[in-house]
Amino acid sequence: MTTVLLVACNGKRSVGVAKDLNTGLVTNYSNLKPGKTMLVMNNEILNNTDIPLGESFILINSDLDGLVVRDDKIS
């Protein structure tokens, strides 16, 4: 379950906080709103916070909203 708080200004700016209640992962965002934020370890999406010391993990923000295309470049 994910909780999202969204505050918008002038229609293009997204500011907010999203919290994943399963993992406790909190995502604060400004201008780039992630559709989903995930922790991945050993090619598996984590549904808990049990990351052993010394292990590597990846934080993935997918479906970003707020990217702008100008002069064939994305920013």
PDB file of N, CA and C in Angstrom:
ATOM      1  N   MET A   1       0.844  -1.176   0.000  1.00  0.00           N
ATOM      2  CA  MET A   1       0.000   0.000   0.000  1.00  0.00           C
ATOM      3  C   MET A   1       0.886   1.234   0.000  1.00  0.00           C
ATOM      4  N   THR A   2       0.543   2.234  -0.803  1.00  0.00           N
ATOM      5  CA  THR A   2       1.326   3.456  -0.914  1.00  0.00           C
ATOM      6  C   THR A   2       0.450   4.644  -0.568  1.00  0.00           C
ATOM      7  N   THR A   3       1.005   5.573   0.207  1.00  0.00           N
ATOM      8  CA  THR A   3       0.310   6.808   0.546  1.00  0.00           C
ATOM      9  C   THR A   3       0.985   7.936  -0.196  1.00  0.00           C
ATOM     10  N   VAL A   4       0.197   8.808  -0.842  1.00  0.00           N
ATOM     11  CA  VAL A   4       0.762   9.905  -1.616  1.00  0.00           C
ATOM     12  C   VAL A   4       0.135  11.212  -1.164  1.00  0.00           C
ATOM     13  N   LEU A   5       0.990  12.218  -0.920  1.00  0.00           N
ATOM     14  CA  LEU A   5       0.548  13.572  -0.642  1.00  0.00           C
ATOM     15  C   LEU A   5       1.071  14.432  -1.770  1.00  0.00           C
ATOM     16  N   LEU A   6       0.183  15.137  -2.455  1.00  0.00           N
ATOM     17  CA  LEU A   6       0.588  15.906  -3.621  1.00  0.00           C
ATOM     18  C   LEU A   6       0.133  17.345  -3.466  1.00  0.00           C
ATOM     19  N   VAL A   7       1.091  18.259  -3.662  1.00  0.00           N
ATOM     20  CA  VAL A   7       0.784  19.682  -3.673  1.00  0.00           C
ATOM     21  C   VAL A   7       1.248  20.212  -5.014  1.00  0.00           C
ATOM     22  N   ALA A   8       0.350  20.821  -5.780  1.00  0.00           N
ATOM     23  CA  ALA A   8       0.711  21.287  -7.127  1.00  0.00           C
ATOM     24  C   ALA A   8       0.650  22.806  -7.206  1.00  0.00           C
ATOM     25  N   CYS A   9       1.589  23.366  -7.972  1.00  0.00           N
ATOM     26  CA  CYS A   9       1.634  24.800  -8.217  1.00  0.00           C
ATOM     27  C   CYS A   9       1.707  25.024  -9.724  1.00  0.00           C
ATOM     28  N   ASN A  10       0.990  25.958 -10.240  1.00  0.00           N
ATOM     29  CA  ASN A  10       0.924  26.386 -11.642  1.00  0.00           C
ATOM     30  C   ASN A  10       0.795  25.243 -12.651  1.00  0.00           C
ATOM     31  N   GLY A  11       0.235  24.118 -12.249  1.00  0.00           N
ATOM     32  CA  GLY A  11      -0.081  23.049 -13.178  1.00  0.00           C
ATOM     33  C   GLY A  11       1.084  22.196 -13.636  1.00  0.00           C
ATOM     34  N   LYS A  12       2.317  22.681 -13.624  1.00  0.00           N
ATOM     35  CA  LYS A  12       3.455  21.918 -14.133  1.00  0.00           C
ATOM     36  C   LYS A  12       4.378  21.446 -13.018  1.00  0.00           C
ATOM     37  N   ARG A  13       4.265  22.007 -11.857  1.00  0.00           N
ATOM     38  CA  ARG A  13       5.176  21.677 -10.783  1.00  0.00           C
ATOM     39  C   ARG A  13       4.526  20.672  -9.838  1.00  0.00           C
ATOM     40  N   SER A  14       5.204  19.577  -9.588  1.00  0.00           N
ATOM     41  CA  SER A  14       4.717  18.565  -8.658  1.00  0.00           C
ATOM     42  C   SER A  14       5.640  18.528  -7.456  1.00  0.00           C
ATOM     43  N   VAL A  15       5.066  18.658  -6.289  1.00  0.00           N
ATOM     44  CA  VAL A  15       5.815  18.585  -5.043  1.00  0.00           C
ATOM     45  C   VAL A  15       5.036  17.664  -4.129  1.00  0.00           C
ATOM     46  N   GLY A  16       5.713  16.728  -3.504  1.00  0.00           N
ATOM     47  CA  GLY A  16       4.981  15.847  -2.612  1.00  0.00           C
ATOM     48  C   GLY A  16       5.843  14.801  -1.951  1.00  0.00           C
ATOM     49  N   VAL A  17       5.168  13.910  -1.264  1.00  0.00           N
ATOM     50  CA  VAL A  17       5.806  12.828  -0.529  1.00  0.00           C
ATOM     51  C   VAL A  17       5.001  11.562  -0.783  1.00  0.00           C
ATOM     52  N   ALA A  18       5.685  10.469  -1.053  1.00  0.00           N
ATOM     53  CA  ALA A  18       5.035   9.164  -1.198  1.00  0.00           C
ATOM     54  C   ALA A  18       5.718   8.195  -0.237  1.00  0.00           C
ATOM     55  N   LYS A  19       4.928   7.419   0.476  1.00  0.00           N
ATOM     56  CA  LYS A  19       5.488   6.449   1.417  1.00  0.00           C
ATOM     57  C   LYS A  19       4.938   5.069   1.105  1.00  0.00           C
ATOM     58  N   ASP A  20       5.843   4.106   0.963  1.00  0.00           N
ATOM     59  CA  ASP A  20       5.460   2.712   0.777  1.00  0.00           C
ATOM     60  C   ASP A  20       5.302   2.110   2.168  1.00  0.00           C
ATOM     61  N   LEU A  21       4.084   1.725   2.516  1.00  0.00           N
ATOM     62  CA  LEU A  21       3.827   1.214   3.859  1.00  0.00           C
ATOM     63  C   LEU A  21       4.414  -0.171   4.103  1.00  0.00           C
ATOM     64  N   ASN A  22       4.743  -0.909   3.041  1.00  0.00           N
ATOM     65  CA  ASN A  22       5.360  -2.232   3.208  1.00  0.00           C
ATOM     66  C   ASN A  22       6.821  -2.114   3.602  1.00  0.00           C
ATOM     67  N   THR A  23       7.563  -1.240   2.922  1.00  0.00           N
ATOM     68  CA  THR A  23       9.006  -1.128   3.159  1.00  0.00           C
ATOM     69  C   THR A  23       9.371   0.046   4.040  1.00  0.00           C
ATOM     70  N   GLY A  24       8.483   1.030   4.162  1.00  0.00           N
ATOM     71  CA  GLY A  24       8.806   2.239   4.911  1.00  0.00           C
ATOM     72  C   GLY A  24       9.579   3.247   4.078  1.00  0.00           C
ATOM     73  N   LEU A  25       9.773   2.954   2.797  1.00  0.00           N
ATOM     74  CA  LEU A  25      10.510   3.840   1.900  1.00  0.00           C
ATOM     75  C   LEU A  25       9.707   5.118   1.673  1.00  0.00           C
ATOM     76  N   VAL A  26      10.336   6.261   1.944  1.00  0.00           N
ATOM     77  CA  VAL A  26       9.697   7.560   1.750  1.00  0.00           C
ATOM     78  C   VAL A  26      10.377   8.258   0.588  1.00  0.00           C
ATOM     79  N   THR A  27       9.581   8.737  -0.370  1.00  0.00           N
ATOM     80  CA  THR A  27      10.092   9.449  -1.531  1.00  0.00           C
ATOM     81  C   THR A  27       9.580  10.883  -1.486  1.00  0.00           C
ATOM     82  N   ASN A  28      10.506  11.838  -1.374  1.00  0.00           N
ATOM     83  CA  ASN A  28      10.163  13.256  -1.467  1.00  0.00           C
ATOM     84  C   ASN A  28      10.494  13.698  -2.875  1.00  0.00           C
ATOM     85  N   TYR A  29       9.588  14.414  -3.522  1.00  0.00           N
ATOM     86  CA  TYR A  29       9.869  14.828  -4.886  1.00  0.00           C
ATOM     87  C   TYR A  29       9.440  16.270  -5.119  1.00  0.00           C
ATOM     88  N   SER A  30      10.145  16.889  -6.067  1.00  0.00           N
ATOM     89  CA  SER A  30       9.858  18.251  -6.494  1.00  0.00           C
ATOM     90  C   SER A  30      10.114  18.329  -7.991  1.00  0.00           C
ATOM     91  N   ASN A  31       9.098  18.607  -8.767  1.00  0.00           N
ATOM     92  CA  ASN A  31       9.133  18.735 -10.226  1.00  0.00           C
ATOM     93  C   ASN A  31       9.142  17.402 -10.962  1.00  0.00           C
ATOM     94  N   LEU A  32       9.839  16.389 -10.503  1.00  0.00           N
ATOM     95  CA  LEU A  32       9.837  15.070 -11.141  1.00  0.00           C
ATOM     96  C   LEU A  32       9.083  14.104 -10.237  1.00  0.00           C
ATOM     97  N   LYS A  33       7.863  13.762 -10.624  1.00  0.00           N
ATOM     98  CA  LYS A  33       7.028  12.879  -9.804  1.00  0.00           C
ATOM     99  C   LYS A  33       7.188  11.439 -10.275  1.00  0.00           C
ATOM    100  N   PRO A  34       7.680  10.555  -9.394  1.00  0.00           N
ATOM    101  CA  PRO A  34       7.796   9.143  -9.786  1.00  0.00           C
ATOM    102  C   PRO A  34       6.440   8.453  -9.712  1.00  0.00           C
ATOM    103  N   GLY A  35       6.175   7.609 -10.718  1.00  0.00           N
ATOM    104  CA  GLY A  35       4.959   6.809 -10.682  1.00  0.00           C
ATOM    105  C   GLY A  35       5.067   5.721  -9.636  1.00  0.00           C
ATOM    106  N   LYS A  36       6.251   5.137  -9.533  1.00  0.00           N
ATOM    107  CA  LYS A  36       6.492   4.066  -8.565  1.00  0.00           C
ATOM    108  C   LYS A  36       7.969   4.104  -8.183  1.00  0.00           C
ATOM    109  N   THR A  37       8.257   3.910  -6.909  1.00  0.00           N
ATOM    110  CA  THR A  37       9.623   3.841  -6.406  1.00  0.00           C
ATOM    111  C   THR A  37       9.823   2.464  -5.793  1.00  0.00           C
ATOM    112  N   MET A  38      10.919   1.798  -6.190  1.00  0.00           N
ATOM    113  CA  MET A  38      11.155   0.422  -5.731  1.00  0.00           C
ATOM    114  C   MET A  38      12.598   0.246  -5.275  1.00  0.00           C
ATOM    115  N   LEU A  39      12.784  -0.626  -4.308  1.00  0.00           N
ATOM    116  CA  LEU A  39      14.114  -1.086  -3.924  1.00  0.00           C
ATOM    117  C   LEU A  39      14.306  -2.467  -4.547  1.00  0.00           C
ATOM    118  N   VAL A  40      15.443  -2.660  -5.234  1.00  0.00           N
ATOM    119  CA  VAL A  40      15.728  -3.934  -5.895  1.00  0.00           C
ATOM    120  C   VAL A  40      17.069  -4.458  -5.396  1.00  0.00           C
ATOM    121  N   MET A  41      17.088  -5.715  -4.979  1.00  0.00           N
ATOM    122  CA  MET A  41      18.321  -6.369  -4.538  1.00  0.00           C
ATOM    123  C   MET A  41      18.346  -7.761  -5.148  1.00  0.00           C
ATOM    124  N   ASN A  42      19.457  -8.124  -5.762  1.00  0.00           N
ATOM    125  CA  ASN A  42      19.607  -9.430  -6.408  1.00  0.00           C
ATOM    126  C   ASN A  42      18.505  -9.675  -7.439  1.00  0.00           C
ATOM    127  N   ASN A  43      18.176  -8.651  -8.215  1.00  0.00           N
ATOM    128  CA  ASN A  43      17.158  -8.710  -9.267  1.00  0.00           C
ATOM    129  C   ASN A  43      15.752  -9.031  -8.757  1.00  0.00           C
ATOM    130  N   GLU A  44      15.488  -8.749  -7.482  1.00  0.00           N
ATOM    131  CA  GLU A  44      14.164  -8.951  -6.898  1.00  0.00           C
ATOM    132  C   GLU A  44      13.700  -7.664  -6.238  1.00  0.00           C
ATOM    133  N   ILE A  45      12.431  -7.307  -6.449  1.00  0.00           N
ATOM    134  CA  ILE A  45      11.860  -6.131  -5.804  1.00  0.00           C
ATOM    135  C   ILE A  45      11.634  -6.457  -4.334  1.00  0.00           C
ATOM    136  N   LEU A  46      12.161  -5.612  -3.453  1.00  0.00           N
ATOM    137  CA  LEU A  46      12.033  -5.846  -2.020  1.00  0.00           C
ATOM    138  C   LEU A  46      10.677  -5.383  -1.520  1.00  0.00           C
ATOM    139  N   ASN A  47      10.061  -6.198  -0.682  1.00  0.00           N
ATOM    140  CA  ASN A  47       8.804  -5.845  -0.028  1.00  0.00           C
ATOM    141  C   ASN A  47       8.998  -5.710   1.471  1.00  0.00           C
ATOM    142  N   ASN A  48      10.262  -5.545   1.878  1.00  0.00           N
ATOM    143  CA  ASN A  48      10.583  -5.380   3.291  1.00  0.00           C
ATOM    144  C   ASN A  48      11.830  -4.516   3.404  1.00  0.00           C
ATOM    145  N   THR A  49      12.292  -4.303   4.610  1.00  0.00           N
ATOM    146  CA  THR A  49      13.469  -3.456   4.826  1.00  0.00           C
ATOM    147  C   THR A  49      14.686  -4.264   5.272  1.00  0.00           C
ATOM    148  N   ASP A  50      14.658  -5.564   5.086  1.00  0.00           N
ATOM    149  CA  ASP A  50      15.765  -6.425   5.515  1.00  0.00           C
ATOM    150  C   ASP A  50      16.871  -6.448   4.460  1.00  0.00           C
ATOM    151  N   ILE A  51      17.789  -5.489   4.564  1.00  0.00           N
ATOM    152  CA  ILE A  51      18.946  -5.444   3.664  1.00  0.00           C
ATOM    153  C   ILE A  51      20.176  -5.724   4.517  1.00  0.00           C
ATOM    154  N   PRO A  52      20.825  -6.869   4.295  1.00  0.00           N
ATOM    155  CA  PRO A  52      22.004  -7.210   5.093  1.00  0.00           C
ATOM    156  C   PRO A  52      23.143  -6.215   4.870  1.00  0.00           C
ATOM    157  N   LEU A  53      23.934  -6.007   5.909  1.00  0.00           N
ATOM    158  CA  LEU A  53      25.113  -5.139   5.795  1.00  0.00           C
ATOM    159  C   LEU A  53      26.026  -5.631   4.687  1.00  0.00           C
ATOM    160  N   GLY A  54      26.520  -4.728   3.874  1.00  0.00           N
ATOM    161  CA  GLY A  54      27.432  -5.069   2.802  1.00  0.00           C
ATOM    162  C   GLY A  54      26.757  -5.416   1.487  1.00  0.00           C
ATOM    163  N   GLU A  55      25.444  -5.606   1.490  1.00  0.00           N
ATOM    164  CA  GLU A  55      24.721  -5.914   0.257  1.00  0.00           C
ATOM    165  C   GLU A  55      24.472  -4.642  -0.539  1.00  0.00           C
ATOM    166  N   SER A  56      24.452  -4.769  -1.843  1.00  0.00           N
ATOM    167  CA  SER A  56      24.133  -3.652  -2.729  1.00  0.00           C
ATOM    168  C   SER A  56      22.660  -3.738  -3.117  1.00  0.00           C
ATOM    169  N   PHE A  57      22.064  -2.578  -3.310  1.00  0.00           N
ATOM    170  CA  PHE A  57      20.686  -2.530  -3.778  1.00  0.00           C
ATOM    171  C   PHE A  57      20.545  -1.358  -4.733  1.00  0.00           C
ATOM    172  N   ILE A  58      19.458  -1.352  -5.479  1.00  0.00           N
ATOM    173  CA  ILE A  58      19.196  -0.304  -6.463  1.00  0.00           C
ATOM    174  C   ILE A  58      17.871   0.359  -6.112  1.00  0.00           C
ATOM    175  N   LEU A  59      17.842   1.676  -6.166  1.00  0.00           N
ATOM    176  CA  LEU A  59      16.615   2.439  -5.990  1.00  0.00           C
ATOM    177  C   LEU A  59      16.121   2.836  -7.372  1.00  0.00           C
ATOM    178  N   ILE A  60      14.906   2.417  -7.740  1.00  0.00           N
ATOM    179  CA  ILE A  60      14.362   2.675  -9.071  1.00  0.00           C
ATOM    180  C   ILE A  60      13.136   3.566  -8.957  1.00  0.00           C
ATOM    181  N   ASN A  61      13.165   4.669  -9.708  1.00  0.00           N
ATOM    182  CA  ASN A  61      11.996   5.544  -9.861  1.00  0.00           C
ATOM    183  C   ASN A  61      11.484   5.329 -11.278  1.00  0.00           C
ATOM    184  N   SER A  62      10.307   4.725 -11.430  1.00  0.00           N
ATOM    185  CA  SER A  62       9.778   4.455 -12.768  1.00  0.00           C
ATOM    186  C   SER A  62       8.625   5.401 -13.088  1.00  0.00           C
ATOM    187  N   ASP A  63       8.335   5.530 -14.373  1.00  0.00           N
ATOM    188  CA  ASP A  63       7.234   6.367 -14.860  1.00  0.00           C
ATOM    189  C   ASP A  63       7.319   7.798 -14.342  1.00  0.00           C
ATOM    190  N   LEU A  64       8.483   8.431 -14.534  1.00  0.00           N
ATOM    191  CA  LEU A  64       8.662   9.811 -14.082  1.00  0.00           C
ATOM    192  C   LEU A  64       7.775  10.767 -14.866  1.00  0.00           C
ATOM    193  N   ASP A  65       7.133  11.661 -14.149  1.00  0.00           N
ATOM    194  CA  ASP A  65       6.305  12.699 -14.759  1.00  0.00           C
ATOM    195  C   ASP A  65       6.979  14.034 -14.481  1.00  0.00           C
ATOM    196  N   GLY A  66       7.135  14.861 -15.500  1.00  0.00           N
ATOM    197  CA  GLY A  66       7.743  16.171 -15.320  1.00  0.00           C
ATOM    198  C   GLY A  66       8.969  16.390 -16.175  1.00  0.00           C
ATOM    199  N   LEU A  67       9.378  15.369 -16.935  1.00  0.00           N
ATOM    200  CA  LEU A  67      10.510  15.540 -17.843  1.00  0.00           C
ATOM    201  C   LEU A  67      10.079  16.404 -19.024  1.00  0.00           C
ATOM    202  N   VAL A  68      10.996  17.238 -19.528  1.00  0.00           N
ATOM    203  CA  VAL A  68      10.691  18.178 -20.602  1.00  0.00           C
ATOM    204  C   VAL A  68      11.630  17.923 -21.779  1.00  0.00           C
ATOM    205  N   VAL A  69      11.082  17.936 -23.003  1.00  0.00           N
ATOM    206  CA  VAL A  69      11.894  17.780 -24.208  1.00  0.00           C
ATOM    207  C   VAL A  69      12.097  19.162 -24.829  1.00  0.00           C
ATOM    208  N   ARG A  70      13.370  19.548 -24.984  1.00  0.00           N
ATOM    209  CA  ARG A  70      13.730  20.809 -25.621  1.00  0.00           C
ATOM    210  C   ARG A  70      14.909  20.557 -26.534  1.00  0.00           C
ATOM    211  N   ASP A  71      14.806  20.978 -27.761  1.00  0.00           N
ATOM    212  CA  ASP A  71      15.889  20.823 -28.748  1.00  0.00           C
ATOM    213  C   ASP A  71      16.371  19.382 -28.829  1.00  0.00           C
ATOM    214  N   ASP A  72      15.438  18.441 -28.862  1.00  0.00           N
ATOM    215  CA  ASP A  72      15.729  17.003 -28.948  1.00  0.00           C
ATOM    216  C   ASP A  72      16.516  16.473 -27.749  1.00  0.00           C
ATOM    217  N   LYS A  73      16.449  17.156 -26.620  1.00  0.00           N
ATOM    218  CA  LYS A  73      17.101  16.707 -25.390  1.00  0.00           C
ATOM    219  C   LYS A  73      16.064  16.651 -24.284  1.00  0.00           C
ATOM    220  N   ILE A  74      16.219  15.668 -23.421  1.00  0.00           N
ATOM    221  CA  ILE A  74      15.299  15.498 -22.305  1.00  0.00           C
ATOM    222  C   ILE A  74      15.968  16.027 -21.045  1.00  0.00           C
ATOM    223  N   SER A  75      15.234  16.870 -20.332  1.00  0.00           N
ATOM    224  CA  SER A  75      15.771  17.385 -19.059  1.00  0.00           C
ATOM    225  C   SER A  75      14.660  17.393 -18.029  1.00  0.00           C
TER     226      SER A  75
END
